[in-house]
């Protein structure tokens, strides 16, 4: 049986103790830690140099040494489509999660630091974004979703619409969803339009409807 090479990871974190903990957990889980950075510019340099499978980034790194961490995350996402990113945050910031998934919903995750004490879930989150999926902390998006709609509109979706939404949450494009379900792209587009309508997500200037739909799905 052919073995796959370990997933390559660059870790960006400005707190040495927490950084060492993340590196230890991932290395123990079989990841190849190819770079470690304590600042935003250094993280971008090492990402460019190594082009890892995943970058694990503290989204609230201190500006004094790291610059704007959200801008750093965006720069990393723009480097290469195959580089996934898992952002860690000490506080719940809805706008950060939406901004990051709005940049590129596939292969992007956002977790609260307080929740990664569950090592197995953390490791699975890294693997999920590396595979092109989306990961959002349930404690974060639960509040976001319930502020927008106290009901659960997911329940009114048809089984096929739920299948499409689940594949959207995995980061698949409409074409990728069509290939997986063995249907036409136009059929997927109709299902997506139906999902937006049932979730009460009209077009907006920034048009993050796909992101918001995935957030609602992941928060259940």
Protein backbone atom coordinates (compact mmCIF):
# COMPACT_ATOMS: atom_id res chain seq x y z
CA UNK A 1 0.00 0.00 0.00
CA UNK A 2 1.37 3.42 -0.99
CA UNK A 3 1.86 5.78 1.94
CA UNK A 4 1.17 9.48 1.52
CA UNK A 5 3.79 12.04 2.61
CA UNK A 6 2.89 13.94 5.79
CA UNK A 7 1.05 17.23 5.46
CA UNK A 8 3.46 20.16 5.60
CA UNK A 9 2.64 22.96 8.05
CA UNK A 10 3.94 26.44 8.84
CA UNK A 11 2.93 27.82 12.26
CA UNK A 12 2.63 31.56 12.93
CA UNK A 13 2.17 32.56 16.57
CA UNK A 14 3.68 35.42 18.59
CA UNK A 15 3.41 33.73 22.01
CA UNK A 16 6.35 31.31 22.39
CA UNK A 17 4.66 28.93 24.84
CA UNK A 18 1.48 28.59 22.79
CA UNK A 19 3.53 28.32 19.58
CA UNK A 20 5.60 25.49 21.06
CA UNK A 21 2.40 23.72 22.14
CA UNK A 22 0.87 23.90 18.65
CA UNK A 23 4.11 22.66 17.06
CA UNK A 24 4.35 19.77 19.54
CA UNK A 25 0.73 18.67 19.02
CA UNK A 26 0.95 18.75 15.23
CA UNK A 27 4.36 17.08 15.07
CA UNK A 28 3.13 14.33 17.41
CA UNK A 29 0.09 13.86 15.13
CA UNK A 30 2.37 13.21 12.16
CA UNK A 31 2.48 16.61 10.46
CA UNK A 32 5.75 17.89 9.02
CA UNK A 33 6.45 21.31 10.60
CA UNK A 34 8.46 23.03 7.87
CA UNK A 35 8.45 26.54 9.35
CA UNK A 36 7.72 28.48 12.53
CA UNK A 37 7.28 32.25 12.70
CA UNK A 38 6.72 34.81 15.43
CA UNK A 39 5.66 37.71 13.23
CA UNK A 40 3.49 38.40 10.21
CA UNK A 41 6.31 39.30 7.77
CA UNK A 42 8.33 36.24 8.82
CA UNK A 43 5.24 34.05 8.39
CA UNK A 44 4.68 35.33 4.85
CA UNK A 45 8.37 34.78 4.00
CA UNK A 46 8.34 31.22 5.28
CA UNK A 47 5.07 30.47 3.54
CA UNK A 48 6.55 31.71 0.26
CA UNK A 49 9.71 29.68 0.82
CA UNK A 50 8.07 26.39 1.79
CA UNK A 51 4.60 26.55 0.17
CA UNK A 52 3.15 24.27 2.86
CA UNK A 53 -0.16 22.44 2.73
CA UNK A 54 -1.47 24.43 5.72
CA UNK A 55 -0.62 27.61 7.58
CA UNK A 56 -1.79 27.77 11.21
CA UNK A 57 -1.98 31.45 12.16
CA UNK A 58 -2.81 33.43 15.30
CA UNK A 59 -5.25 35.97 13.86
CA UNK A 60 -4.71 38.32 16.81
CA UNK A 61 -0.92 38.56 16.80
CA UNK A 62 0.24 41.79 18.45
CA UNK A 63 0.56 44.61 15.87
CA UNK A 64 3.87 45.65 17.42
CA UNK A 65 5.60 42.57 16.05
CA UNK A 66 3.19 41.06 13.58
CA UNK A 67 1.39 43.85 11.77
CA UNK A 68 -2.28 43.38 10.93
CA UNK A 69 -2.80 39.62 11.25
CA UNK A 70 -5.94 39.69 9.12
CA UNK A 71 -3.98 41.34 6.30
CA UNK A 72 -1.28 38.71 6.78
CA UNK A 73 -3.89 35.97 6.45
CA UNK A 74 -5.25 37.54 3.27
CA UNK A 75 -1.75 37.80 1.81
CA UNK A 76 -1.14 34.13 2.52
CA UNK A 77 -4.45 33.11 0.92
CA UNK A 78 -3.51 35.09 -2.19
CA UNK A 79 -0.11 33.40 -2.53
CA UNK A 80 -1.21 30.03 -3.84
CA UNK A 81 -4.69 28.44 -4.05
CA UNK A 82 -3.47 25.13 -2.65
CA UNK A 83 -2.15 26.65 0.60
CA UNK A 84 -4.85 26.21 3.24
CA UNK A 85 -5.14 28.39 6.33
CA UNK A 86 -6.43 27.75 9.85
CA UNK A 87 -6.78 30.94 11.89
CA UNK A 88 -6.74 30.79 15.70
CA UNK A 89 -8.21 33.57 17.80
CA UNK A 90 -8.36 34.26 21.56
CA UNK A 91 -11.64 36.15 21.13
CA UNK A 92 -14.78 35.67 19.03
CA UNK A 93 -14.77 38.06 16.07
CA UNK A 94 -17.64 37.37 13.63
CA UNK A 95 -16.24 39.81 11.08
CA UNK A 96 -12.89 38.02 10.93
CA UNK A 97 -14.52 34.68 10.19
CA UNK A 98 -16.73 36.18 7.48
CA UNK A 99 -13.85 38.19 5.99
CA UNK A 100 -11.59 35.15 5.77
CA UNK A 101 -14.18 32.84 4.24
CA UNK A 102 -15.22 35.67 1.95
CA UNK A 103 -11.68 35.77 0.58
CA UNK A 104 -11.75 32.06 -0.24
CA UNK A 105 -14.15 29.66 1.50
CA UNK A 106 -12.33 26.48 0.49
CA UNK A 107 -9.41 25.41 2.64
CA UNK A 108 -10.00 28.03 5.35
CA UNK A 109 -10.81 27.61 9.03
CA UNK A 110 -11.37 29.81 12.08
CA UNK A 111 -11.16 28.41 15.62
CA UNK A 112 -11.17 29.97 19.07
CA UNK A 113 -8.02 29.19 21.03
CA UNK A 114 -10.02 28.19 24.07
CA UNK A 115 -11.54 25.37 22.06
CA UNK A 116 -8.36 23.71 20.82
CA UNK A 117 -7.68 22.00 24.13
CA UNK A 118 -9.44 19.12 22.41
CA UNK A 119 -6.35 17.90 20.59
CA UNK A 120 -8.19 15.40 18.39
CA UNK A 121 -10.63 18.03 17.14
CA UNK A 122 -7.81 20.50 16.49
CA UNK A 123 -5.81 17.97 14.48
CA UNK A 124 -8.93 17.03 12.52
CA UNK A 125 -9.56 20.72 11.77
CA UNK A 126 -6.05 21.07 10.32
CA UNK A 127 -6.59 17.99 8.17
CA UNK A 128 -10.00 19.24 7.03
CA UNK A 129 -8.77 22.61 5.76
CA UNK A 130 -5.79 20.87 4.14
CA UNK A 131 -8.31 18.79 2.22
CA UNK A 132 -10.12 21.90 0.97
CA UNK A 133 -12.88 21.99 3.57
CA UNK A 134 -14.09 24.79 5.82
CA UNK A 135 -13.88 24.80 9.61
CA UNK A 136 -15.57 27.41 11.80
CA UNK A 137 -15.73 27.32 15.58
CA UNK A 138 -19.27 26.32 16.53
CA UNK A 139 -19.19 28.62 19.55
CA UNK A 140 -18.48 31.56 17.27
CA UNK A 141 -20.96 31.00 14.47
CA UNK A 142 -23.73 29.79 16.76
CA UNK A 143 -24.18 33.31 18.08
CA UNK A 144 -23.84 34.83 14.62
CA UNK A 145 -26.50 32.60 13.12
CA UNK A 146 -28.99 32.93 15.94
CA UNK A 147 -28.70 36.71 15.88
CA UNK A 148 -29.63 36.65 12.22
CA UNK A 149 -32.47 34.11 12.44
CA UNK A 150 -33.87 32.52 15.65
CA UNK A 151 -35.23 29.56 13.65
CA UNK A 152 -33.40 26.81 11.82
CA UNK A 153 -34.13 27.29 8.11
CA UNK A 154 -31.83 24.37 7.27
CA UNK A 155 -34.77 22.13 8.16
CA UNK A 156 -36.80 23.42 5.20
CA UNK A 157 -34.12 22.52 2.65
CA UNK A 158 -34.76 19.52 0.45
CA UNK A 159 -32.45 16.50 0.84
CA UNK A 160 -30.67 17.45 -2.40
CA UNK A 161 -30.23 21.08 -1.24
CA UNK A 162 -28.70 19.76 1.99
CA UNK A 163 -26.32 17.61 -0.05
CA UNK A 164 -25.30 20.67 -2.06
CA UNK A 165 -24.84 22.79 1.08
CA UNK A 166 -22.74 20.07 2.72
CA UNK A 167 -20.46 20.02 -0.33
CA UNK A 168 -20.29 23.82 -0.27
CA UNK A 169 -19.07 23.51 3.33
CA UNK A 170 -16.35 21.18 2.05
CA UNK A 171 -15.13 24.05 -0.10
CA UNK A 172 -16.30 22.69 -3.45
CA UNK A 173 -17.19 24.95 -6.35
CA UNK A 174 -20.45 24.53 -8.25
CA UNK A 175 -18.57 22.50 -10.86
CA UNK A 176 -17.01 20.33 -8.16
CA UNK A 177 -20.42 19.75 -6.59
CA UNK A 178 -21.90 18.84 -9.98
CA UNK A 179 -19.14 16.29 -10.61
CA UNK A 180 -19.61 14.74 -7.17
CA UNK A 181 -23.40 14.48 -7.48
CA UNK A 182 -23.26 13.56 -11.18
CA UNK A 183 -25.58 16.39 -12.22
CA UNK A 184 -25.19 19.45 -14.43
CA UNK A 185 -23.66 22.70 -13.21
CA UNK A 186 -26.92 24.49 -14.02
CA UNK A 187 -28.78 22.06 -11.75
CA UNK A 188 -26.38 22.89 -8.93
CA UNK A 189 -26.84 26.61 -9.58
CA UNK A 190 -30.61 26.16 -9.20
CA UNK A 191 -30.12 24.32 -5.92
CA UNK A 192 -27.76 27.04 -4.66
CA UNK A 193 -30.31 29.72 -5.58
CA UNK A 194 -32.95 27.76 -3.69
CA UNK A 195 -30.68 27.52 -0.65
CA UNK A 196 -30.08 31.27 -0.66
CA UNK A 197 -33.82 31.94 -0.92
CA UNK A 198 -34.78 29.56 1.89
CA UNK A 199 -32.01 30.87 4.16
CA UNK A 200 -33.17 34.45 3.47
CA UNK A 201 -29.83 35.51 2.01
CA UNK A 202 -30.52 38.17 -0.63
CA UNK A 203 -27.70 39.64 -2.74
CA UNK A 204 -25.64 42.30 -0.96
CA UNK A 205 -22.80 44.63 -2.10
CA UNK A 206 -20.15 42.30 -0.65
CA UNK A 207 -22.29 39.22 -1.55
CA UNK A 208 -20.97 36.77 1.02
CA UNK A 209 -24.10 34.63 0.71
CA UNK A 210 -22.16 31.45 0.08
CA UNK A 211 -20.08 32.08 3.19
CA UNK A 212 -23.12 32.80 5.35
CA UNK A 213 -24.90 29.70 4.07
CA UNK A 214 -21.88 27.58 5.01
CA UNK A 215 -21.70 29.26 8.43
CA UNK A 216 -25.32 28.33 9.11
CA UNK A 217 -24.69 24.77 8.07
CA UNK A 218 -21.55 24.40 10.21
CA UNK A 219 -23.19 25.92 13.30
CA UNK A 220 -25.84 23.18 13.56
